[in-house]
N, C-alpha and C. Protein backbone atom coordinates (compact mmCIF):
# COMPACT_ATOMS: atom_id res chain seq x y z
N MET A 1 0.58 -0.85 -0.08
CA MET A 1 0.18 0.37 0.28
C MET A 1 1.49 1.01 -0.47
N ASP A 2 0.40 2.38 -0.76
CA ASP A 2 1.22 3.49 -1.08
C ASP A 2 0.77 4.46 0.66
N ALA A 3 2.39 5.15 0.66
CA ALA A 3 2.00 5.05 2.28
C ALA A 3 0.95 7.06 1.74
N ASN A 4 1.00 7.42 0.82
CA ASN A 4 -0.24 8.46 0.33
C ASN A 4 -1.22 8.14 0.76
N GLU A 5 -1.64 6.96 0.48
CA GLU A 5 -2.92 6.26 0.46
C GLU A 5 -3.04 5.87 1.77
N LEU A 6 -2.07 5.69 2.46
CA LEU A 6 -2.13 5.37 4.22
C LEU A 6 -2.08 6.70 5.20
N ARG A 7 -1.64 7.92 4.44
CA ARG A 7 -1.89 9.48 5.39
C ARG A 7 -3.58 10.09 5.12
N ASP A 8 -4.22 9.63 4.40
CA ASP A 8 -5.59 9.62 4.38
C ASP A 8 -6.68 8.86 4.69
N LYS A 9 -5.91 8.10 5.56
CA LYS A 9 -6.77 7.13 6.91
C LYS A 9 -6.51 7.86 7.78
N THR A 10 -7.85 7.83 8.63
CA THR A 10 -8.06 8.13 10.28
C THR A 10 -7.06 7.28 11.26
N PRO A 11 -6.78 7.40 12.29
CA PRO A 11 -5.90 6.20 13.04
C PRO A 11 -6.48 4.73 13.60
N ASP A 12 -7.88 4.77 13.65
CA ASP A 12 -8.84 3.67 13.64
C ASP A 12 -8.13 2.62 12.59
N GLN A 13 -8.53 3.60 11.11
CA GLN A 13 -8.47 3.00 9.91
C GLN A 13 -7.44 2.04 10.09
N LEU A 14 -6.01 3.02 10.43
CA LEU A 14 -4.82 2.17 10.51
C LEU A 14 -4.72 1.46 11.22
N ARG A 15 -4.92 1.41 12.88
CA ARG A 15 -4.67 0.30 14.11
C ARG A 15 -5.46 -0.62 12.96
N ASP A 16 -6.71 -0.22 12.25
CA ASP A 16 -7.03 -1.85 11.48
C ASP A 16 -6.55 -2.60 10.77
N GLU A 17 -5.56 -1.44 9.90
CA GLU A 17 -5.04 -1.84 9.03
C GLU A 17 -3.85 -2.86 9.79
N LEU A 18 -3.30 -2.11 10.76
CA LEU A 18 -1.88 -2.77 11.64
C LEU A 18 -2.28 -4.12 11.52
N ALA A 19 -3.90 -4.27 12.51
CA ALA A 19 -3.84 -5.53 12.77
C ALA A 19 -3.99 -6.74 11.68
N ASN A 20 -4.56 -6.23 10.63
CA ASN A 20 -4.92 -6.88 9.86
C ASN A 20 -3.33 -7.82 9.21
N LEU A 21 -1.85 -6.86 8.88
CA LEU A 21 -1.06 -6.94 8.75
C LEU A 21 -0.72 -8.31 8.93
N LYS A 22 -0.50 -7.54 10.69
CA LYS A 22 -0.17 -9.01 11.86
C LYS A 22 -0.54 -10.54 12.13
N LYS A 23 -1.99 -10.23 11.74
CA LYS A 23 -2.31 -11.35 11.25
C LYS A 23 -1.60 -12.56 10.09
N GLU A 24 -1.73 -11.12 8.75
CA GLU A 24 -1.49 -12.16 7.72
C GLU A 24 -0.27 -12.62 7.38
N ALA A 25 1.03 -11.69 8.67
CA ALA A 25 2.37 -11.57 8.74
C ALA A 25 1.99 -13.38 9.78
N PHE A 26 1.62 -13.50 10.36
CA PHE A 26 1.17 -15.11 11.58
C PHE A 26 0.95 -16.09 10.37
N ASN A 27 0.19 -15.38 9.80
CA ASN A 27 0.25 -16.87 8.62
C ASN A 27 0.99 -16.82 8.10
N LEU A 28 1.69 -16.06 7.18
CA LEU A 28 2.90 -16.31 6.50
C LEU A 28 3.73 -17.26 6.89
N ARG A 29 4.19 -16.59 8.10
CA ARG A 29 4.88 -17.55 8.90
C ARG A 29 4.51 -18.85 9.87
N PHE A 30 3.86 -19.22 9.66
CA PHE A 30 2.60 -20.41 10.22
C PHE A 30 3.57 -21.53 8.50
N GLN A 31 2.89 -21.08 7.62
CA GLN A 31 2.75 -21.16 5.93
C GLN A 31 3.94 -21.42 5.74
N GLN A 32 5.30 -20.60 6.74
CA GLN A 32 6.35 -21.08 6.52
C GLN A 32 7.17 -21.85 6.92
N ALA A 33 6.94 -22.39 8.17
CA ALA A 33 7.38 -23.03 8.79
C ALA A 33 6.68 -24.58 8.88
N THR A 34 5.65 -24.55 8.09
CA THR A 34 4.95 -26.17 7.72
C THR A 34 5.24 -26.35 6.06
N GLY A 35 6.14 -25.68 6.18
CA GLY A 35 6.59 -25.60 4.53
C GLY A 35 5.81 -25.49 2.99
N GLN A 36 4.72 -24.97 3.23
CA GLN A 36 3.07 -24.76 2.63
C GLN A 36 3.75 -23.29 1.57
N LEU A 37 4.38 -22.30 1.98
CA LEU A 37 4.65 -20.76 1.61
C LEU A 37 4.90 -20.78 0.23
N GLU A 38 3.83 -20.56 -0.63
CA GLU A 38 4.39 -21.12 -1.89
C GLU A 38 4.99 -19.43 -2.84
N ASN A 39 4.93 -18.38 -1.82
CA ASN A 39 5.21 -17.05 -2.33
C ASN A 39 6.39 -15.95 -1.30
N THR A 40 7.73 -16.40 -1.28
CA THR A 40 7.90 -16.41 0.02
C THR A 40 8.52 -14.57 0.27
N SER A 41 7.71 -13.56 -1.05
CA SER A 41 8.00 -12.45 -1.53
C SER A 41 6.92 -11.57 -0.53
N ARG A 42 5.99 -12.61 0.07
CA ARG A 42 4.55 -11.75 0.12
C ARG A 42 4.97 -11.57 2.07
N MET A 43 6.20 -12.02 2.47
CA MET A 43 6.23 -11.75 3.98
C MET A 43 7.24 -10.28 4.04
N ARG A 44 8.39 -10.21 3.02
CA ARG A 44 8.88 -9.15 3.01
C ARG A 44 7.53 -7.99 2.53
N ILE A 45 6.67 -7.78 1.78
CA ILE A 45 6.09 -6.97 1.36
C ILE A 45 4.81 -6.25 3.05
N VAL A 46 4.63 -7.88 3.11
CA VAL A 46 4.13 -7.70 4.09
C VAL A 46 4.35 -6.74 5.59
N ARG A 47 6.18 -7.27 5.55
CA ARG A 47 6.64 -6.63 7.04
C ARG A 47 6.74 -5.42 6.68
N ARG A 48 7.20 -4.93 5.36
CA ARG A 48 7.50 -3.57 5.39
C ARG A 48 6.10 -2.91 4.96
N SER A 49 5.10 -3.04 4.73
CA SER A 49 3.51 -2.57 4.97
C SER A 49 3.42 -2.51 6.13
N ALA A 50 3.72 -3.14 7.72
CA ALA A 50 3.25 -2.86 9.13
C ALA A 50 4.32 -1.88 9.10
N ALA A 51 5.47 -1.78 9.00
CA ALA A 51 6.24 -0.75 8.98
C ALA A 51 5.95 0.35 8.54
N ARG A 52 5.55 0.41 7.11
CA ARG A 52 4.65 1.76 7.00
C ARG A 52 3.56 2.41 8.04
N VAL A 53 2.80 1.58 8.23
CA VAL A 53 1.49 1.98 9.18
C VAL A 53 1.74 2.06 10.09
N LYS A 54 2.77 1.83 10.83
CA LYS A 54 3.43 2.36 12.28
C LYS A 54 3.94 3.22 12.50
N THR A 55 4.79 3.82 10.97
CA THR A 55 5.19 5.05 10.80
C THR A 55 4.36 6.77 10.90
N ILE A 56 3.29 5.97 9.76
CA ILE A 56 2.42 6.96 8.86
C ILE A 56 1.17 7.22 10.86
N LEU A 57 1.42 6.44 11.96
CA LEU A 57 0.44 6.41 13.30
C LEU A 57 1.33 7.55 13.88
N ASN A 58 2.44 6.74 13.59
CA ASN A 58 3.85 7.67 14.81
C ASN A 58 3.63 9.15 14.62
N GLN A 59 3.68 9.07 12.76
CA GLN A 59 3.53 10.44 12.22
C GLN A 59 2.57 11.68 11.97
N LYS A 60 1.21 10.55 12.69
CA LYS A 60 -0.03 11.75 13.15
C LYS A 60 -0.57 11.68 14.60
N ALA A 61 0.42 10.88 15.14
CA ALA A 61 0.53 11.82 16.91
C ALA A 61 1.68 12.14 16.86
N ALA A 62 2.71 12.44 16.75
CA ALA A 62 3.42 13.45 16.56
C ALA A 62 3.04 14.81 16.42
N ALA A 63 2.16 15.16 15.07
CA ALA A 63 1.41 16.33 14.57
C ALA A 63 0.60 17.04 15.85
N ALA A 64 -0.47 15.37 16.48
CA ALA A 64 -0.97 15.80 16.95
C ALA A 64 -0.49 16.91 18.48
N ALA A 65 0.35 16.14 18.71
CA ALA A 65 0.94 16.09 19.85
C ALA A 65 1.31 17.95 20.03
N SER A 66 1.75 17.69 19.07
CA SER A 66 2.50 19.36 18.70
C SER A 66 1.37 20.19 18.57
N GLU A 67 0.26 20.00 17.63
CA GLU A 67 -0.49 21.17 17.68
C GLU A 67 -1.32 21.49 19.18
N ALA A 68 -1.26 20.25 19.70
CA ALA A 68 -2.05 21.03 21.17
C ALA A 68 -1.34 20.99 22.59
């Protein structure tokens, strides 16, 4: 997901997105451990997407703190 798309979302939507990404990462790790993972590059994409969501959340929190 693009960072510009994430910046348009609310913090609640971002937290939901992060939860979904974490569930997907767990499922991918489980598939890898059992030898069922076909697309290994998906793990990297999910991990980086989660980091991107966390970064945007932290930026929004910092912006809100500086306004207050």
